[in-house]
PDB file of all heavy atoms in Angstrom:
ATOM      1  N   GLY A   1       3.581  16.351  -8.080  1.00  0.00           N
ATOM      2  CA  GLY A   1       4.401  16.216  -6.878  1.00  0.00           C
ATOM      3  C   GLY A   1       4.167  14.908  -6.114  1.00  0.00           C
ATOM      4  O   GLY A   1       4.926  14.664  -5.125  1.00  0.00           O
ATOM      5  N   ASP A   2       3.215  14.144  -6.447  1.00  0.00           N
ATOM      6  CA  ASP A   2       2.902  12.926  -5.714  1.00  0.00           C
ATOM      7  C   ASP A   2       4.011  11.871  -5.832  1.00  0.00           C
ATOM      8  O   ASP A   2       4.660  11.766  -6.874  1.00  0.00           O
ATOM      9  CB  ASP A   2       1.583  12.311  -6.160  1.00  0.00           C
ATOM     10  CG  ASP A   2       0.378  13.111  -5.774  1.00  0.00           C
ATOM     11  OD1 ASP A   2       0.492  13.884  -4.800  1.00  0.00           O
ATOM     12  OD2 ASP A   2      -0.693  12.976  -6.389  1.00  0.00           O
ATOM     13  N   CYS A   3       4.187  11.176  -4.801  1.00  0.00           N
ATOM     14  CA  CYS A   3       5.167  10.064  -4.782  1.00  0.00           C
ATOM     15  C   CYS A   3       4.613   8.944  -5.690  1.00  0.00           C
ATOM     16  O   CYS A   3       3.430   8.540  -5.545  1.00  0.00           O
ATOM     17  CB  CYS A   3       5.313   9.564  -3.383  1.00  0.00           C
ATOM     18  SG  CYS A   3       6.629   8.319  -3.164  1.00  0.00           S
ATOM     19  N   SER A   4       5.397   8.447  -6.598  1.00  0.00           N
ATOM     20  CA  SER A   4       4.955   7.390  -7.514  1.00  0.00           C
ATOM     21  C   SER A   4       4.654   6.078  -6.765  1.00  0.00           C
ATOM     22  O   SER A   4       5.140   5.847  -5.674  1.00  0.00           O
ATOM     23  CB  SER A   4       6.010   7.134  -8.586  1.00  0.00           C
ATOM     24  OG  SER A   4       7.137   6.506  -8.034  1.00  0.00           O
ATOM     25  N   GLU A   5       3.875   5.264  -7.452  1.00  0.00           N
ATOM     26  CA  GLU A   5       3.497   3.975  -6.837  1.00  0.00           C
ATOM     27  C   GLU A   5       4.708   3.109  -6.522  1.00  0.00           C
ATOM     28  O   GLU A   5       4.809   2.481  -5.470  1.00  0.00           O
ATOM     29  CB  GLU A   5       2.575   3.207  -7.759  1.00  0.00           C
ATOM     30  CG  GLU A   5       2.011   1.910  -7.156  1.00  0.00           C
ATOM     31  CD  GLU A   5       1.005   1.229  -8.051  1.00  0.00           C
ATOM     32  OE1 GLU A   5       0.509   1.884  -9.004  1.00  0.00           O
ATOM     33  OE2 GLU A   5       0.725   0.055  -7.804  1.00  0.00           O
ATOM     34  N   ILE A   6       5.692   3.111  -7.439  1.00  0.00           N
ATOM     35  CA  ILE A   6       6.894   2.285  -7.178  1.00  0.00           C
ATOM     36  C   ILE A   6       7.698   2.780  -6.011  1.00  0.00           C
ATOM     37  O   ILE A   6       8.248   1.998  -5.221  1.00  0.00           O
ATOM     38  CB  ILE A   6       7.758   2.170  -8.474  1.00  0.00           C
ATOM     39  CG1 ILE A   6       8.830   1.088  -8.271  1.00  0.00           C
ATOM     40  CG2 ILE A   6       8.345   3.503  -8.901  1.00  0.00           C
ATOM     41  CD1 ILE A   6       9.621   0.793  -9.546  1.00  0.00           C
ATOM     42  N   GLU A   7       7.790   4.102  -5.877  1.00  0.00           N
ATOM     43  CA  GLU A   7       8.581   4.674  -4.737  1.00  0.00           C
ATOM     44  C   GLU A   7       7.837   4.414  -3.418  1.00  0.00           C
ATOM     45  O   GLU A   7       8.422   4.217  -2.373  1.00  0.00           O
ATOM     46  CB  GLU A   7       8.909   6.115  -4.948  1.00  0.00           C
ATOM     47  CG  GLU A   7       9.794   6.402  -6.130  1.00  0.00           C
ATOM     48  CD  GLU A   7      11.104   5.645  -6.081  1.00  0.00           C
ATOM     49  OE1 GLU A   7      11.513   5.194  -4.978  1.00  0.00           O
ATOM     50  OE2 GLU A   7      11.758   5.509  -7.138  1.00  0.00           O
ATOM     51  N   ARG A   8       6.497   4.503  -3.435  1.00  0.00           N
ATOM     52  CA  ARG A   8       5.706   4.198  -2.242  1.00  0.00           C
ATOM     53  C   ARG A   8       5.926   2.764  -1.832  1.00  0.00           C
ATOM     54  O   ARG A   8       6.098   2.414  -0.654  1.00  0.00           O
ATOM     55  CB  ARG A   8       4.241   4.465  -2.431  1.00  0.00           C
ATOM     56  CG  ARG A   8       3.891   5.974  -2.471  1.00  0.00           C
ATOM     57  CD  ARG A   8       2.416   6.208  -2.276  1.00  0.00           C
ATOM     58  NE  ARG A   8       1.603   5.499  -3.273  1.00  0.00           N
ATOM     59  CZ  ARG A   8       1.216   6.020  -4.422  1.00  0.00           C
ATOM     60  NH1 ARG A   8       1.618   7.279  -4.722  1.00  0.00           N
ATOM     61  NH2 ARG A   8       0.479   5.387  -5.296  1.00  0.00           N
ATOM     62  N   SER A   9       5.927   1.849  -2.848  1.00  0.00           N
ATOM     63  CA  SER A   9       6.170   0.458  -2.610  1.00  0.00           C
ATOM     64  C   SER A   9       7.573   0.218  -1.997  1.00  0.00           C
ATOM     65  O   SER A   9       7.700  -0.611  -1.082  1.00  0.00           O
ATOM     66  CB  SER A   9       6.001  -0.345  -3.921  1.00  0.00           C
ATOM     67  OG  SER A   9       6.302  -1.712  -3.719  1.00  0.00           O
ATOM     68  N   ARG A  10       8.529   0.900  -2.500  1.00  0.00           N
ATOM     69  CA  ARG A  10       9.882   0.749  -1.958  1.00  0.00           C
ATOM     70  C   ARG A  10       9.975   1.275  -0.571  1.00  0.00           C
ATOM     71  O   ARG A  10      10.676   0.700   0.294  1.00  0.00           O
ATOM     72  CB  ARG A  10      10.888   1.490  -2.899  1.00  0.00           C
ATOM     73  CG  ARG A  10      11.150   0.764  -4.204  1.00  0.00           C
ATOM     74  CD  ARG A  10      11.985   1.562  -5.195  1.00  0.00           C
ATOM     75  NE  ARG A  10      12.226   0.803  -6.391  1.00  0.00           N
ATOM     76  CZ  ARG A  10      12.751   1.289  -7.499  1.00  0.00           C
ATOM     77  NH1 ARG A  10      13.051   2.611  -7.587  1.00  0.00           N
ATOM     78  NH2 ARG A  10      12.980   0.537  -8.536  1.00  0.00           N
ATOM     79  N   ASN A  11       9.262   2.342  -0.282  1.00  0.00           N
ATOM     80  CA  ASN A  11       9.252   2.865   1.088  1.00  0.00           C
ATOM     81  C   ASN A  11       8.546   1.915   2.012  1.00  0.00           C
ATOM     82  O   ASN A  11       8.911   1.784   3.201  1.00  0.00           O
ATOM     83  CB  ASN A  11       8.594   4.246   1.141  1.00  0.00           C
ATOM     84  CG  ASN A  11       9.476   5.359   0.625  1.00  0.00           C
ATOM     85  OD1 ASN A  11      10.679   5.254   0.633  1.00  0.00           O
ATOM     86  ND2 ASN A  11       8.884   6.472   0.163  1.00  0.00           N
ATOM     87  N   ASP A  12       7.579   1.178   1.510  1.00  0.00           N
ATOM     88  CA  ASP A  12       6.944   0.134   2.309  1.00  0.00           C
ATOM     89  C   ASP A  12       7.885  -0.940   2.691  1.00  0.00           C
ATOM     90  O   ASP A  12       7.800  -1.549   3.776  1.00  0.00           O
ATOM     91  CB  ASP A  12       5.754  -0.453   1.577  1.00  0.00           C
ATOM     92  CG  ASP A  12       4.553   0.531   1.394  1.00  0.00           C
ATOM     93  OD1 ASP A  12       4.520   1.538   2.109  1.00  0.00           O
ATOM     94  OD2 ASP A  12       3.681   0.221   0.585  1.00  0.00           O
ATOM     95  N   GLU A  13       8.858  -1.217   1.811  1.00  0.00           N
ATOM     96  CA  GLU A  13       9.854  -2.237   2.121  1.00  0.00           C
ATOM     97  C   GLU A  13      10.759  -1.799   3.291  1.00  0.00           C
ATOM     98  O   GLU A  13      11.416  -2.639   3.895  1.00  0.00           O
ATOM     99  CB  GLU A  13      10.761  -2.486   0.893  1.00  0.00           C
ATOM    100  CG  GLU A  13      10.073  -3.196  -0.259  1.00  0.00           C
ATOM    101  CD  GLU A  13      11.108  -3.466  -1.410  1.00  0.00           C
ATOM    102  OE1 GLU A  13      12.132  -4.035  -1.099  1.00  0.00           O
ATOM    103  OE2 GLU A  13      10.786  -3.051  -2.551  1.00  0.00           O
ATOM    104  N   LEU A  14      10.791  -0.537   3.562  1.00  0.00           N
ATOM    105  CA  LEU A  14      11.623  -0.030   4.678  1.00  0.00           C
ATOM    106  C   LEU A  14      10.853   0.090   5.955  1.00  0.00           C
ATOM    107  O   LEU A  14      11.185   0.848   6.862  1.00  0.00           O
ATOM    108  CB  LEU A  14      12.166   1.334   4.343  1.00  0.00           C
ATOM    109  CG  LEU A  14      13.203   1.389   3.152  1.00  0.00           C
ATOM    110  CD1 LEU A  14      13.499   2.810   2.743  1.00  0.00           C
ATOM    111  CD2 LEU A  14      14.456   0.632   3.546  1.00  0.00           C
ATOM    112  N   LEU A  15       9.823  -0.737   6.125  1.00  0.00           N
ATOM    113  CA  LEU A  15       9.038  -0.722   7.348  1.00  0.00           C
ATOM    114  C   LEU A  15       9.877  -0.908   8.537  1.00  0.00           C
ATOM    115  O   LEU A  15       9.671  -0.319   9.620  1.00  0.00           O
ATOM    116  CB  LEU A  15       7.953  -1.792   7.293  1.00  0.00           C
ATOM    117  CG  LEU A  15       7.000  -1.909   8.528  1.00  0.00           C
ATOM    118  CD1 LEU A  15       6.306  -0.642   8.765  1.00  0.00           C
ATOM    119  CD2 LEU A  15       6.054  -3.093   8.354  1.00  0.00           C
ATOM    120  N   TRP A  16      10.941  -1.757   8.430  1.00  0.00           N
ATOM    121  CA  TRP A  16      11.852  -1.976   9.564  1.00  0.00           C
ATOM    122  C   TRP A  16      12.498  -0.669  10.019  1.00  0.00           C
ATOM    123  O   TRP A  16      12.775  -0.465  11.189  1.00  0.00           O
ATOM    124  CB  TRP A  16      12.942  -3.010   9.198  1.00  0.00           C
ATOM    125  CG  TRP A  16      13.725  -2.602   7.935  1.00  0.00           C
ATOM    126  CD1 TRP A  16      13.547  -3.013   6.717  1.00  0.00           C
ATOM    127  CD2 TRP A  16      14.914  -1.779   7.911  1.00  0.00           C
ATOM    128  NE1 TRP A  16      14.444  -2.537   5.820  1.00  0.00           N
ATOM    129  CE2 TRP A  16      15.324  -1.743   6.571  1.00  0.00           C
ATOM    130  CE3 TRP A  16      15.639  -1.094   8.877  1.00  0.00           C
ATOM    131  CZ2 TRP A  16      16.412  -1.000   6.141  1.00  0.00           C
ATOM    132  CZ3 TRP A  16      16.765  -0.378   8.460  1.00  0.00           C
ATOM    133  CH2 TRP A  16      17.150  -0.328   7.114  1.00  0.00           C
ATOM    134  N   LEU A  17      12.736   0.253   9.056  1.00  0.00           N
ATOM    135  CA  LEU A  17      13.373   1.519   9.412  1.00  0.00           C
ATOM    136  C   LEU A  17      12.360   2.447  10.117  1.00  0.00           C
ATOM    137  O   LEU A  17      12.685   3.129  11.067  1.00  0.00           O
ATOM    138  CB  LEU A  17      13.929   2.190   8.160  1.00  0.00           C
ATOM    139  CG  LEU A  17      14.598   3.542   8.351  1.00  0.00           C
ATOM    140  CD1 LEU A  17      15.790   3.347   9.312  1.00  0.00           C
ATOM    141  CD2 LEU A  17      15.154   4.020   7.015  1.00  0.00           C
ATOM    142  N   TRP A  18      11.139   2.499   9.584  1.00  0.00           N
ATOM    143  CA  TRP A  18      10.127   3.289  10.267  1.00  0.00           C
ATOM    144  C   TRP A  18       9.817   2.754  11.641  1.00  0.00           C
ATOM    145  O   TRP A  18       9.471   3.545  12.563  1.00  0.00           O
ATOM    146  CB  TRP A  18       8.847   3.397   9.398  1.00  0.00           C
ATOM    147  CG  TRP A  18       9.085   3.519   7.903  1.00  0.00           C
ATOM    148  CD1 TRP A  18       8.469   2.805   6.912  1.00  0.00           C
ATOM    149  CD2 TRP A  18      10.037   4.343   7.241  1.00  0.00           C
ATOM    150  NE1 TRP A  18       9.007   3.147   5.702  1.00  0.00           N
ATOM    151  CE2 TRP A  18       9.953   4.079   5.832  1.00  0.00           C
ATOM    152  CE3 TRP A  18      10.965   5.296   7.665  1.00  0.00           C
ATOM    153  CZ2 TRP A  18      10.725   4.742   4.863  1.00  0.00           C
ATOM    154  CZ3 TRP A  18      11.782   5.921   6.702  1.00  0.00           C
ATOM    155  CH2 TRP A  18      11.640   5.666   5.363  1.00  0.00           C
ATOM    156  N   ASN A  19       9.866   1.408  11.767  1.00  0.00           N
ATOM    157  CA  ASN A  19       9.667   0.865  13.100  1.00  0.00           C
ATOM    158  C   ASN A  19      10.740   1.218  14.066  1.00  0.00           C
ATOM    159  O   ASN A  19      10.474   1.398  15.279  1.00  0.00           O
ATOM    160  CB  ASN A  19       9.602  -0.682  12.975  1.00  0.00           C
ATOM    161  CG  ASN A  19       8.215  -1.259  12.804  1.00  0.00           C
ATOM    162  OD1 ASN A  19       7.278  -0.829  13.519  1.00  0.00           O
ATOM    163  ND2 ASN A  19       8.050  -2.187  11.903  1.00  0.00           N
ATOM    164  N   SER A  20      11.915   1.377  13.571  1.00  0.00           N
ATOM    165  CA  SER A  20      13.078   1.695  14.443  1.00  0.00           C
ATOM    166  C   SER A  20      13.210   3.171  14.774  1.00  0.00           C
ATOM    167  O   SER A  20      13.793   3.553  15.784  1.00  0.00           O
ATOM    168  CB  SER A  20      14.366   1.202  13.751  1.00  0.00           C
ATOM    169  OG  SER A  20      14.326  -0.183  13.483  1.00  0.00           O
ATOM    170  N   SER A  21      12.739   4.020  13.874  1.00  0.00           N
ATOM    171  CA  SER A  21      12.953   5.473  14.015  1.00  0.00           C
ATOM    172  C   SER A  21      11.962   6.080  15.006  1.00  0.00           C
ATOM    173  O   SER A  21      10.832   5.618  15.049  1.00  0.00           O
ATOM    174  CB  SER A  21      12.841   6.166  12.650  1.00  0.00           C
ATOM    175  OG  SER A  21      13.721   5.646  11.749  1.00  0.00           O
ATOM    176  N   THR A  22      12.354   7.107  15.704  1.00  0.00           N
ATOM    177  CA  THR A  22      11.420   7.842  16.560  1.00  0.00           C
ATOM    178  C   THR A  22      11.142   9.248  15.971  1.00  0.00           C
ATOM    179  O   THR A  22      10.418  10.002  16.601  1.00  0.00           O
ATOM    180  CB  THR A  22      11.931   7.938  17.996  1.00  0.00           C
ATOM    181  OG1 THR A  22      13.278   8.414  17.974  1.00  0.00           O
ATOM    182  CG2 THR A  22      11.892   6.589  18.675  1.00  0.00           C
ATOM    183  N   ALA A  23      11.715   9.532  14.854  1.00  0.00           N
ATOM    184  CA  ALA A  23      11.417  10.745  14.115  1.00  0.00           C
ATOM    185  C   ALA A  23      11.826  10.561  12.640  1.00  0.00           C
ATOM    186  O   ALA A  23      12.657   9.699  12.352  1.00  0.00           O
ATOM    187  CB  ALA A  23      12.151  11.966  14.686  1.00  0.00           C
ATOM    188  N   LEU A  24      11.189  11.269  11.758  1.00  0.00           N
ATOM    189  CA  LEU A  24      11.498  11.199  10.346  1.00  0.00           C
ATOM    190  C   LEU A  24      12.016  12.557   9.882  1.00  0.00           C
ATOM    191  O   LEU A  24      11.492  13.615  10.251  1.00  0.00           O
ATOM    192  CB  LEU A  24      10.265  10.798   9.523  1.00  0.00           C
ATOM    193  CG  LEU A  24       9.605   9.473   9.896  1.00  0.00           C
ATOM    194  CD1 LEU A  24       8.387   9.193   8.997  1.00  0.00           C
ATOM    195  CD2 LEU A  24      10.598   8.318   9.815  1.00  0.00           C
ATOM    196  N   PHE A  25      13.008  12.525   9.021  1.00  0.00           N
ATOM    197  CA  PHE A  25      13.686  13.729   8.547  1.00  0.00           C
ATOM    198  C   PHE A  25      13.801  13.801   7.038  1.00  0.00           C
ATOM    199  O   PHE A  25      14.890  13.744   6.461  1.00  0.00           O
ATOM    200  CB  PHE A  25      15.103  13.839   9.176  1.00  0.00           C
ATOM    201  CG  PHE A  25      15.060  13.944  10.687  1.00  0.00           C
ATOM    202  CD1 PHE A  25      15.410  12.831  11.448  1.00  0.00           C
ATOM    203  CD2 PHE A  25      14.738  15.108  11.331  1.00  0.00           C
ATOM    204  CE1 PHE A  25      15.396  12.841  12.819  1.00  0.00           C
ATOM    205  CE2 PHE A  25      14.710  15.180  12.717  1.00  0.00           C
ATOM    206  CZ  PHE A  25      15.049  14.083  13.475  1.00  0.00           C
ATOM    207  N   PRO A  26      12.644  13.913   6.342  1.00  0.00           N
ATOM    208  CA  PRO A  26      12.742  14.061   4.893  1.00  0.00           C
ATOM    209  C   PRO A  26      13.347  15.364   4.484  1.00  0.00           C
ATOM    210  O   PRO A  26      13.356  16.327   5.289  1.00  0.00           O
ATOM    211  CB  PRO A  26      11.293  13.957   4.459  1.00  0.00           C
ATOM    212  CG  PRO A  26      10.492  14.511   5.648  1.00  0.00           C
ATOM    213  CD  PRO A  26      11.305  14.023   6.822  1.00  0.00           C
ATOM    214  N   SER A  27      13.884  15.465   3.247  1.00  0.00           N
ATOM    215  CA  SER A  27      14.458  16.699   2.767  1.00  0.00           C
ATOM    216  C   SER A  27      13.617  17.215   1.612  1.00  0.00           C
ATOM    217  O   SER A  27      13.149  16.436   0.772  1.00  0.00           O
ATOM    218  CB  SER A  27      15.907  16.479   2.326  1.00  0.00           C
ATOM    219  OG  SER A  27      16.410  17.597   1.728  1.00  0.00           O
ATOM    220  N   ALA A  28      13.453  18.526   1.563  1.00  0.00           N
ATOM    221  CA  ALA A  28      12.704  19.163   0.478  1.00  0.00           C
ATOM    222  C   ALA A  28      13.367  20.451   0.040  1.00  0.00           C
ATOM    223  O   ALA A  28      12.711  21.499  -0.096  1.00  0.00           O
ATOM    224  CB  ALA A  28      11.243  19.389   0.867  1.00  0.00           C
ATOM    225  N   TYR A  29      14.712  20.432  -0.156  1.00  0.00           N
ATOM    226  CA  TYR A  29      15.400  21.606  -0.624  1.00  0.00           C
ATOM    227  C   TYR A  29      14.883  22.030  -2.000  1.00  0.00           C
ATOM    228  O   TYR A  29      14.730  21.175  -2.880  1.00  0.00           O
ATOM    229  CB  TYR A  29      16.869  21.318  -0.710  1.00  0.00           C
ATOM    230  CG  TYR A  29      17.547  20.985   0.609  1.00  0.00           C
ATOM    231  CD1 TYR A  29      18.765  20.225   0.617  1.00  0.00           C
ATOM    232  CD2 TYR A  29      17.030  21.315   1.824  1.00  0.00           C
ATOM    233  CE1 TYR A  29      19.374  19.892   1.764  1.00  0.00           C
ATOM    234  CE2 TYR A  29      17.623  21.003   3.010  1.00  0.00           C
ATOM    235  CZ  TYR A  29      18.843  20.227   2.994  1.00  0.00           C
ATOM    236  OH  TYR A  29      19.476  19.901   4.183  1.00  0.00           O
ATOM    237  N   LEU A  30      14.628  23.299  -2.172  1.00  0.00           N
ATOM    238  CA  LEU A  30      14.124  23.773  -3.431  1.00  0.00           C
ATOM    239  C   LEU A  30      15.275  24.152  -4.373  1.00  0.00           C
ATOM    240  O   LEU A  30      16.200  24.845  -3.948  1.00  0.00           O
ATOM    241  CB  LEU A  30      13.250  24.981  -3.193  1.00  0.00           C
ATOM    242  CG  LEU A  30      11.931  24.784  -2.434  1.00  0.00           C
ATOM    243  CD1 LEU A  30      11.178  26.090  -2.311  1.00  0.00           C
ATOM    244  CD2 LEU A  30      11.031  23.723  -3.111  1.00  0.00           C
ATOM    245  N   PRO A  31      15.190  23.802  -5.645  1.00  0.00           N
ATOM    246  CA  PRO A  31      16.190  24.206  -6.647  1.00  0.00           C
ATOM    247  C   PRO A  31      15.814  25.650  -7.095  1.00  0.00           C
ATOM    248  O   PRO A  31      14.650  26.075  -6.984  1.00  0.00           O
ATOM    249  CB  PRO A  31      16.009  23.224  -7.714  1.00  0.00           C
ATOM    250  CG  PRO A  31      14.577  22.824  -7.706  1.00  0.00           C
ATOM    251  CD  PRO A  31      14.173  22.829  -6.222  1.00  0.00           C
ATOM    252  N   LEU A  32      16.826  26.331  -7.624  1.00  0.00           N
ATOM    253  CA  LEU A  32      16.556  27.703  -8.118  1.00  0.00           C
ATOM    254  C   LEU A  32      15.484  27.740  -9.212  1.00  0.00           C
ATOM    255  O   LEU A  32      14.809  28.747  -9.336  1.00  0.00           O
ATOM    256  CB  LEU A  32      17.888  28.258  -8.606  1.00  0.00           C
ATOM    257  CG  LEU A  32      17.864  29.761  -8.988  1.00  0.00           C
ATOM    258  CD1 LEU A  32      17.456  30.625  -7.798  1.00  0.00           C
ATOM    259  CD2 LEU A  32      19.260  30.184  -9.494  1.00  0.00           C
ATOM    260  N   SER A  33      15.346  26.674  -9.950  1.00  0.00           N
ATOM    261  CA  SER A  33      14.402  26.645 -11.031  1.00  0.00           C
ATOM    262  C   SER A  33      12.923  26.745 -10.491  1.00  0.00           C
ATOM    263  O   SER A  33      11.990  27.063 -11.273  1.00  0.00           O
ATOM    264  CB  SER A  33      14.498  25.378 -11.894  1.00  0.00           C
ATOM    265  OG  SER A  33      14.255  24.220 -11.046  1.00  0.00           O
ATOM    266  N   LEU A  34      12.729  26.494  -9.219  1.00  0.00           N
ATOM    267  CA  LEU A  34      11.396  26.611  -8.619  1.00  0.00           C
ATOM    268  C   LEU A  34      11.218  27.959  -7.876  1.00  0.00           C
ATOM    269  O   LEU A  34      10.209  28.122  -7.181  1.00  0.00           O
ATOM    270  CB  LEU A  34      11.146  25.439  -7.637  1.00  0.00           C
ATOM    271  CG  LEU A  34      10.899  24.115  -8.306  1.00  0.00           C
ATOM    272  CD1 LEU A  34      10.611  23.033  -7.266  1.00  0.00           C
ATOM    273  CD2 LEU A  34       9.776  24.142  -9.322  1.00  0.00           C
ATOM    274  N   ASN A  35      12.108  28.882  -8.078  1.00  0.00           N
ATOM    275  CA  ASN A  35      11.989  30.213  -7.540  1.00  0.00           C
ATOM    276  C   ASN A  35      10.648  30.838  -8.011  1.00  0.00           C
ATOM    277  O   ASN A  35      10.456  30.982  -9.225  1.00  0.00           O
ATOM    278  CB  ASN A  35      13.157  31.067  -7.970  1.00  0.00           C
ATOM    279  CG  ASN A  35      13.131  32.425  -7.329  1.00  0.00           C
ATOM    280  OD1 ASN A  35      12.322  32.744  -6.489  1.00  0.00           O
ATOM    281  ND2 ASN A  35      14.079  33.271  -7.749  1.00  0.00           N
ATOM    282  N   GLU A  36       9.771  31.237  -7.070  1.00  0.00           N
ATOM    283  CA  GLU A  36       8.505  31.870  -7.388  1.00  0.00           C
ATOM    284  C   GLU A  36       7.660  30.955  -8.264  1.00  0.00           C
ATOM    285  O   GLU A  36       6.821  31.489  -9.046  1.00  0.00           O
ATOM    286  CB  GLU A  36       8.754  33.242  -8.059  1.00  0.00           C
ATOM    287  CG  GLU A  36       9.463  34.254  -7.163  1.00  0.00           C
ATOM    288  CD  GLU A  36       8.593  34.896  -6.156  1.00  0.00           C
ATOM    289  OE1 GLU A  36       7.354  34.810  -6.268  1.00  0.00           O
ATOM    290  OE2 GLU A  36       9.133  35.525  -5.197  1.00  0.00           O
ATOM    291  N   ASN A  37       7.803  29.717  -8.173  1.00  0.00           N
ATOM    292  CA  ASN A  37       7.047  28.757  -9.029  1.00  0.00           C
ATOM    293  C   ASN A  37       6.056  27.958  -8.162  1.00  0.00           C
ATOM    294  O   ASN A  37       6.459  27.331  -7.156  1.00  0.00           O
ATOM    295  CB  ASN A  37       8.036  27.780  -9.709  1.00  0.00           C
ATOM    296  CG  ASN A  37       7.429  26.915 -10.753  1.00  0.00           C
ATOM    297  OD1 ASN A  37       6.246  26.518 -10.607  1.00  0.00           O
ATOM    298  ND2 ASN A  37       8.180  26.604 -11.796  1.00  0.00           N
ATOM    299  N   PRO A  38       4.793  27.925  -8.579  1.00  0.00           N
ATOM    300  CA  PRO A  38       3.780  27.160  -7.788  1.00  0.00           C
ATOM    301  C   PRO A  38       4.128  25.661  -7.643  1.00  0.00           C
ATOM    302  O   PRO A  38       3.650  25.039  -6.686  1.00  0.00           O
ATOM    303  CB  PRO A  38       2.475  27.329  -8.596  1.00  0.00           C
ATOM    304  CG  PRO A  38       2.696  28.631  -9.341  1.00  0.00           C
ATOM    305  CD  PRO A  38       4.162  28.674  -9.704  1.00  0.00           C
ATOM    306  N   ASN A  39       4.899  25.157  -8.533  1.00  0.00           N
ATOM    307  CA  ASN A  39       5.293  23.741  -8.462  1.00  0.00           C
ATOM    308  C   ASN A  39       6.160  23.451  -7.230  1.00  0.00           C
ATOM    309  O   ASN A  39       6.309  22.299  -6.817  1.00  0.00           O
ATOM    310  CB  ASN A  39       5.993  23.281  -9.733  1.00  0.00           C
ATOM    311  CG  ASN A  39       5.025  22.924 -10.829  1.00  0.00           C
ATOM    312  OD1 ASN A  39       3.813  22.985 -10.665  1.00  0.00           O
ATOM    313  ND2 ASN A  39       5.587  22.552 -11.994  1.00  0.00           N
ATOM    314  N   ALA A  40       6.709  24.501  -6.640  1.00  0.00           N
ATOM    315  CA  ALA A  40       7.486  24.322  -5.422  1.00  0.00           C
ATOM    316  C   ALA A  40       6.598  23.755  -4.299  1.00  0.00           C
ATOM    317  O   ALA A  40       7.025  22.863  -3.524  1.00  0.00           O
ATOM    318  CB  ALA A  40       8.100  25.640  -4.942  1.00  0.00           C
TER     319      ALA A  40
END
């Protein structure tokens, strides 16, 4: 479930966005395939 190194690096490029935001709204909708699954 960890964020990959390349995606963390890309998120680092968005520092201007984190600087501008006063809240963060990530999404973590679960697919049906993770029903009763520890990987959720």
